N, C-alpha and C. Protein backbone atom coordinates (compact mmCIF):
# COMPACT_ATOMS: atom_id res chain seq x y z
N MET A 1 29.99 -4.74 -26.27
CA MET A 1 29.69 -4.11 -24.99
C MET A 1 29.21 -5.15 -23.97
N LYS A 2 28.38 -6.10 -24.44
CA LYS A 2 27.88 -7.13 -23.53
C LYS A 2 29.02 -7.97 -22.99
N LEU A 3 30.03 -8.23 -23.83
CA LEU A 3 31.17 -9.02 -23.39
C LEU A 3 31.93 -8.33 -22.27
N ILE A 4 32.11 -7.02 -22.38
CA ILE A 4 32.83 -6.26 -21.35
C ILE A 4 32.02 -6.26 -20.05
N ILE A 5 30.72 -6.10 -20.16
CA ILE A 5 29.87 -6.11 -18.96
C ILE A 5 29.92 -7.47 -18.29
N ARG A 6 29.85 -8.55 -19.07
CA ARG A 6 29.93 -9.89 -18.50
C ARG A 6 31.29 -10.12 -17.83
N LEU A 7 32.34 -9.63 -18.46
CA LEU A 7 33.68 -9.77 -17.90
C LEU A 7 33.79 -9.02 -16.58
N LEU A 8 33.26 -7.82 -16.52
CA LEU A 8 33.31 -7.04 -15.29
C LEU A 8 32.44 -7.65 -14.19
N LEU A 9 31.30 -8.23 -14.56
CA LEU A 9 30.47 -8.91 -13.56
C LEU A 9 31.17 -10.16 -13.02
N ASN A 10 31.86 -10.87 -13.90
CA ASN A 10 32.63 -12.04 -13.45
C ASN A 10 33.78 -11.61 -12.53
N ALA A 11 34.42 -10.49 -12.85
CA ALA A 11 35.48 -9.97 -11.99
C ALA A 11 34.92 -9.57 -10.63
N LEU A 12 33.73 -8.98 -10.62
CA LEU A 12 33.07 -8.62 -9.36
C LEU A 12 32.79 -9.88 -8.53
N ALA A 13 32.34 -10.93 -9.19
CA ALA A 13 32.09 -12.19 -8.49
C ALA A 13 33.38 -12.76 -7.90
N VAL A 14 34.48 -12.65 -8.64
CA VAL A 14 35.77 -13.14 -8.14
C VAL A 14 36.19 -12.35 -6.91
N ILE A 15 36.01 -11.03 -6.94
CA ILE A 15 36.38 -10.19 -5.80
C ILE A 15 35.54 -10.53 -4.58
N ILE A 16 34.23 -10.67 -4.78
CA ILE A 16 33.34 -11.00 -3.66
C ILE A 16 33.74 -12.33 -3.03
N LEU A 17 34.00 -13.32 -3.86
CA LEU A 17 34.36 -14.64 -3.33
C LEU A 17 35.73 -14.64 -2.66
N SER A 18 36.63 -13.78 -3.10
CA SER A 18 37.94 -13.72 -2.44
C SER A 18 37.81 -13.15 -1.03
N TYR A 19 36.79 -12.31 -0.81
CA TYR A 19 36.56 -11.80 0.55
C TYR A 19 35.84 -12.84 1.42
N VAL A 20 35.02 -13.67 0.81
CA VAL A 20 34.23 -14.64 1.56
C VAL A 20 35.02 -15.91 1.88
N LEU A 21 35.79 -16.38 0.91
CA LEU A 21 36.50 -17.66 1.08
C LEU A 21 37.93 -17.43 1.56
N PRO A 22 38.31 -18.03 2.68
CA PRO A 22 39.67 -17.83 3.18
C PRO A 22 40.75 -18.51 2.35
N GLY A 23 40.40 -19.49 1.53
CA GLY A 23 41.38 -20.20 0.73
C GLY A 23 41.64 -19.58 -0.64
N VAL A 24 40.97 -18.48 -0.93
CA VAL A 24 41.12 -17.80 -2.22
C VAL A 24 41.56 -16.37 -1.96
N ASP A 25 42.60 -15.94 -2.68
CA ASP A 25 43.12 -14.59 -2.49
C ASP A 25 43.32 -13.90 -3.83
N VAL A 26 42.79 -12.68 -3.94
CA VAL A 26 42.97 -11.85 -5.13
C VAL A 26 43.54 -10.52 -4.65
N ASP A 27 44.65 -10.08 -5.27
CA ASP A 27 45.34 -8.88 -4.82
C ASP A 27 44.60 -7.58 -5.11
N SER A 28 44.04 -7.45 -6.33
CA SER A 28 43.46 -6.17 -6.72
C SER A 28 42.32 -6.38 -7.70
N ILE A 29 41.67 -5.29 -8.02
CA ILE A 29 40.58 -5.33 -8.99
C ILE A 29 41.12 -5.69 -10.37
N THR A 30 42.28 -5.17 -10.70
CA THR A 30 42.91 -5.49 -11.98
C THR A 30 43.19 -6.99 -12.08
N THR A 31 43.66 -7.57 -11.00
CA THR A 31 43.91 -9.01 -10.98
C THR A 31 42.61 -9.77 -11.16
N ALA A 32 41.53 -9.30 -10.55
CA ALA A 32 40.23 -9.96 -10.69
C ALA A 32 39.74 -9.92 -12.14
N ILE A 33 39.97 -8.80 -12.82
CA ILE A 33 39.58 -8.71 -14.23
C ILE A 33 40.42 -9.68 -15.07
N ILE A 34 41.70 -9.77 -14.76
CA ILE A 34 42.57 -10.71 -15.47
C ILE A 34 42.13 -12.14 -15.19
N VAL A 35 41.76 -12.44 -13.95
CA VAL A 35 41.27 -13.77 -13.59
C VAL A 35 40.02 -14.10 -14.40
N ALA A 36 39.09 -13.16 -14.48
CA ALA A 36 37.87 -13.39 -15.24
C ALA A 36 38.18 -13.65 -16.71
N LEU A 37 39.12 -12.90 -17.26
CA LEU A 37 39.50 -13.08 -18.67
C LEU A 37 40.19 -14.43 -18.89
N VAL A 38 41.12 -14.79 -18.02
CA VAL A 38 41.85 -16.05 -18.16
C VAL A 38 40.91 -17.24 -17.96
N LEU A 39 39.98 -17.15 -17.00
CA LEU A 39 39.02 -18.23 -16.80
C LEU A 39 38.13 -18.39 -18.03
N ALA A 40 37.73 -17.29 -18.64
CA ALA A 40 36.93 -17.38 -19.86
C ALA A 40 37.71 -18.06 -20.97
N LEU A 41 38.97 -17.68 -21.13
CA LEU A 41 39.80 -18.30 -22.18
C LEU A 41 40.05 -19.78 -21.91
N LEU A 42 40.35 -20.12 -20.66
CA LEU A 42 40.58 -21.52 -20.32
C LEU A 42 39.31 -22.35 -20.49
N ASN A 43 38.17 -21.79 -20.12
CA ASN A 43 36.91 -22.50 -20.31
C ASN A 43 36.61 -22.71 -21.78
N PHE A 44 37.04 -21.80 -22.61
CA PHE A 44 36.80 -21.92 -24.05
C PHE A 44 37.79 -22.86 -24.73
N LEU A 45 39.07 -22.80 -24.31
CA LEU A 45 40.10 -23.55 -25.01
C LEU A 45 40.45 -24.89 -24.37
N VAL A 46 40.59 -24.95 -23.07
CA VAL A 46 41.12 -26.14 -22.40
C VAL A 46 40.01 -27.06 -21.89
N LYS A 47 38.94 -26.49 -21.38
CA LYS A 47 37.90 -27.29 -20.76
C LYS A 47 37.30 -28.35 -21.68
N PRO A 48 37.03 -28.05 -22.96
CA PRO A 48 36.48 -29.12 -23.82
C PRO A 48 37.40 -30.34 -23.93
N PHE A 49 38.70 -30.12 -23.99
CA PHE A 49 39.64 -31.25 -24.05
C PHE A 49 39.65 -32.04 -22.75
N LEU A 50 39.59 -31.33 -21.62
CA LEU A 50 39.56 -32.03 -20.33
C LEU A 50 38.28 -32.84 -20.19
N ILE A 51 37.18 -32.31 -20.68
CA ILE A 51 35.91 -33.04 -20.60
C ILE A 51 35.97 -34.31 -21.46
N ILE A 52 36.54 -34.20 -22.64
CA ILE A 52 36.65 -35.38 -23.51
C ILE A 52 37.59 -36.41 -22.89
N LEU A 53 38.71 -35.97 -22.34
CA LEU A 53 39.66 -36.90 -21.73
C LEU A 53 39.09 -37.60 -20.50
N THR A 54 38.24 -36.92 -19.76
CA THR A 54 37.70 -37.49 -18.53
C THR A 54 36.27 -38.00 -18.70
N LEU A 55 35.84 -38.19 -19.92
CA LEU A 55 34.46 -38.62 -20.18
C LEU A 55 34.08 -39.93 -19.49
N PRO A 56 34.94 -40.95 -19.51
CA PRO A 56 34.53 -42.20 -18.82
C PRO A 56 34.27 -42.01 -17.32
N ILE A 57 35.17 -41.30 -16.64
CA ILE A 57 34.96 -41.11 -15.20
C ILE A 57 33.80 -40.15 -14.94
N THR A 58 33.56 -39.23 -15.85
CA THR A 58 32.42 -38.33 -15.70
C THR A 58 31.12 -39.11 -15.83
N ILE A 59 31.07 -40.06 -16.74
CA ILE A 59 29.87 -40.88 -16.90
C ILE A 59 29.66 -41.77 -15.67
N ILE A 60 30.74 -42.35 -15.18
CA ILE A 60 30.64 -43.23 -14.00
C ILE A 60 30.16 -42.46 -12.77
N THR A 61 30.63 -41.22 -12.62
CA THR A 61 30.23 -40.42 -11.45
C THR A 61 28.97 -39.60 -11.71
N LEU A 62 28.31 -39.85 -12.83
CA LEU A 62 27.07 -39.16 -13.20
C LEU A 62 27.26 -37.65 -13.29
N GLY A 63 28.42 -37.24 -13.77
CA GLY A 63 28.68 -35.82 -14.00
C GLY A 63 29.34 -35.09 -12.86
N LEU A 64 29.49 -35.72 -11.71
CA LEU A 64 30.09 -35.04 -10.57
C LEU A 64 31.57 -34.75 -10.77
N PHE A 65 32.22 -35.50 -11.65
CA PHE A 65 33.64 -35.26 -11.89
C PHE A 65 33.86 -33.92 -12.60
N LEU A 66 32.81 -33.35 -13.19
CA LEU A 66 32.94 -32.04 -13.82
C LEU A 66 33.29 -30.96 -12.79
N LEU A 67 32.94 -31.20 -11.52
CA LEU A 67 33.37 -30.28 -10.45
C LEU A 67 34.89 -30.27 -10.35
N VAL A 68 35.49 -31.43 -10.48
CA VAL A 68 36.95 -31.53 -10.43
C VAL A 68 37.57 -30.85 -11.66
N VAL A 69 36.94 -31.03 -12.82
CA VAL A 69 37.44 -30.38 -14.03
C VAL A 69 37.40 -28.87 -13.88
N ASN A 70 36.30 -28.35 -13.34
CA ASN A 70 36.20 -26.90 -13.10
C ASN A 70 37.26 -26.43 -12.10
N ALA A 71 37.50 -27.23 -11.06
CA ALA A 71 38.53 -26.88 -10.08
C ALA A 71 39.91 -26.89 -10.72
N LEU A 72 40.18 -27.82 -11.62
CA LEU A 72 41.47 -27.86 -12.31
C LEU A 72 41.66 -26.62 -13.18
N ILE A 73 40.60 -26.17 -13.82
CA ILE A 73 40.67 -24.94 -14.63
C ILE A 73 41.04 -23.76 -13.73
N ILE A 74 40.44 -23.69 -12.56
CA ILE A 74 40.74 -22.59 -11.62
C ILE A 74 42.17 -22.69 -11.11
N LEU A 75 42.64 -23.89 -10.83
CA LEU A 75 44.03 -24.04 -10.37
C LEU A 75 45.02 -23.71 -11.47
N ILE A 76 44.69 -24.03 -12.72
CA ILE A 76 45.55 -23.64 -13.84
C ILE A 76 45.63 -22.13 -13.94
N ALA A 77 44.48 -21.47 -13.80
CA ALA A 77 44.46 -20.00 -13.84
C ALA A 77 45.28 -19.43 -12.69
N ALA A 78 45.19 -20.04 -11.52
CA ALA A 78 45.96 -19.55 -10.37
C ALA A 78 47.46 -19.69 -10.60
N ASN A 79 47.88 -20.70 -11.35
CA ASN A 79 49.30 -20.87 -11.67
C ASN A 79 49.78 -19.81 -12.65
N PHE A 80 48.91 -19.37 -13.55
CA PHE A 80 49.29 -18.39 -14.56
C PHE A 80 49.30 -16.96 -14.06
N ILE A 81 48.48 -16.65 -13.07
CA ILE A 81 48.24 -15.26 -12.68
C ILE A 81 48.90 -14.98 -11.33
N ASP A 82 49.79 -13.99 -11.33
CA ASP A 82 50.36 -13.52 -10.07
C ASP A 82 49.30 -12.68 -9.36
N GLY A 83 49.14 -12.91 -8.08
CA GLY A 83 48.15 -12.16 -7.32
C GLY A 83 46.84 -12.89 -7.16
N PHE A 84 46.71 -14.06 -7.76
CA PHE A 84 45.52 -14.90 -7.59
C PHE A 84 45.99 -16.24 -7.07
N GLU A 85 45.54 -16.57 -5.86
CA GLU A 85 45.98 -17.80 -5.22
C GLU A 85 44.79 -18.59 -4.72
N VAL A 86 44.85 -19.89 -4.95
CA VAL A 86 43.86 -20.83 -4.41
C VAL A 86 44.67 -21.88 -3.66
N SER A 87 44.36 -22.06 -2.38
CA SER A 87 45.24 -22.86 -1.53
C SER A 87 45.15 -24.37 -1.76
N SER A 88 44.00 -24.90 -2.21
CA SER A 88 43.90 -26.34 -2.42
C SER A 88 42.81 -26.62 -3.45
N ILE A 89 42.73 -27.88 -3.84
CA ILE A 89 41.70 -28.26 -4.80
C ILE A 89 40.31 -28.17 -4.19
N TRP A 90 40.22 -28.35 -2.87
CA TRP A 90 38.92 -28.24 -2.20
C TRP A 90 38.40 -26.81 -2.26
N TRP A 91 39.30 -25.85 -2.02
CA TRP A 91 38.89 -24.45 -2.14
C TRP A 91 38.56 -24.10 -3.59
N ALA A 92 39.24 -24.75 -4.53
CA ALA A 92 38.94 -24.51 -5.94
C ALA A 92 37.55 -25.05 -6.30
N ILE A 93 37.18 -26.20 -5.74
CA ILE A 93 35.84 -26.74 -5.99
C ILE A 93 34.78 -25.83 -5.39
N ILE A 94 35.00 -25.40 -4.16
CA ILE A 94 34.04 -24.49 -3.51
C ILE A 94 33.96 -23.17 -4.27
N PHE A 95 35.12 -22.64 -4.68
CA PHE A 95 35.17 -21.40 -5.45
C PHE A 95 34.42 -21.57 -6.76
N SER A 96 34.60 -22.70 -7.42
CA SER A 96 33.93 -22.96 -8.70
C SER A 96 32.42 -22.98 -8.53
N LEU A 97 31.94 -23.69 -7.52
CA LEU A 97 30.50 -23.76 -7.27
C LEU A 97 29.91 -22.39 -6.96
N LEU A 98 30.55 -21.68 -6.05
CA LEU A 98 30.04 -20.37 -5.65
C LEU A 98 30.18 -19.34 -6.77
N LEU A 99 31.23 -19.46 -7.57
CA LEU A 99 31.42 -18.54 -8.68
C LEU A 99 30.31 -18.70 -9.71
N SER A 100 29.98 -19.91 -10.07
CA SER A 100 28.90 -20.09 -11.05
C SER A 100 27.56 -19.64 -10.48
N PHE A 101 27.33 -19.88 -9.19
CA PHE A 101 26.09 -19.44 -8.55
C PHE A 101 26.01 -17.91 -8.52
N LEU A 102 27.10 -17.26 -8.12
CA LEU A 102 27.13 -15.81 -8.03
C LEU A 102 27.06 -15.16 -9.41
N GLN A 103 27.71 -15.77 -10.40
CA GLN A 103 27.64 -15.26 -11.76
C GLN A 103 26.21 -15.30 -12.28
N SER A 104 25.51 -16.38 -12.02
CA SER A 104 24.13 -16.46 -12.51
C SER A 104 23.24 -15.41 -11.84
N ILE A 105 23.48 -15.15 -10.56
CA ILE A 105 22.70 -14.11 -9.87
C ILE A 105 23.03 -12.74 -10.44
N LEU A 106 24.31 -12.42 -10.57
CA LEU A 106 24.70 -11.11 -11.09
C LEU A 106 24.24 -10.89 -12.52
N HIS A 107 24.34 -11.91 -13.35
CA HIS A 107 23.93 -11.77 -14.75
C HIS A 107 22.42 -11.63 -14.87
N SER A 108 21.67 -12.28 -13.96
CA SER A 108 20.22 -12.13 -14.02
C SER A 108 19.79 -10.76 -13.51
N ILE A 109 20.53 -10.19 -12.57
CA ILE A 109 20.19 -8.86 -12.06
C ILE A 109 20.49 -7.80 -13.10
N PHE A 110 21.63 -7.92 -13.78
CA PHE A 110 22.08 -6.87 -14.70
C PHE A 110 21.80 -7.17 -16.16
N LYS A 111 20.95 -8.15 -16.44
CA LYS A 111 20.69 -8.45 -17.84
C LYS A 111 19.85 -7.34 -18.48
N GLU A 112 20.07 -7.16 -19.76
CA GLU A 112 19.33 -6.14 -20.48
C GLU A 112 17.98 -6.70 -20.90
N ASP A 113 16.98 -5.84 -20.92
CA ASP A 113 15.66 -6.26 -21.37
C ASP A 113 15.69 -6.49 -22.87
N LYS A 114 15.22 -7.65 -23.27
CA LYS A 114 15.19 -7.99 -24.69
C LYS A 114 13.83 -7.58 -25.24
N LYS A 115 13.86 -6.84 -26.31
CA LYS A 115 12.63 -6.40 -26.93
C LYS A 115 12.35 -7.27 -28.14
N ASN A 116 11.12 -7.70 -28.25
CA ASN A 116 10.73 -8.55 -29.38
C ASN A 116 10.29 -7.71 -30.54
């Protein structure tokens, strides 16, 4: 159940950012849910390999190159999903930053109380 709630909150974040950012377009709520699912899968499967491959440049840039890695993940998702478009890598970087910020806000608002 928590996974579905997290997925729906991520889809909500994608929808909100598509309205705010002119370089990002999402056709429908269903597309936003698919985007959230594909981003989760890409972050789980592809991102670790990209991080290992780009480790030297990530160390040289003190971790700032991870923004580019996140943007590449978003651009890969945009290539796979019809109805989700990101116009450039710059919009993908901005989308990535704002998405993680908005996700943390939404997840903190809707988190369940943990009982000890």
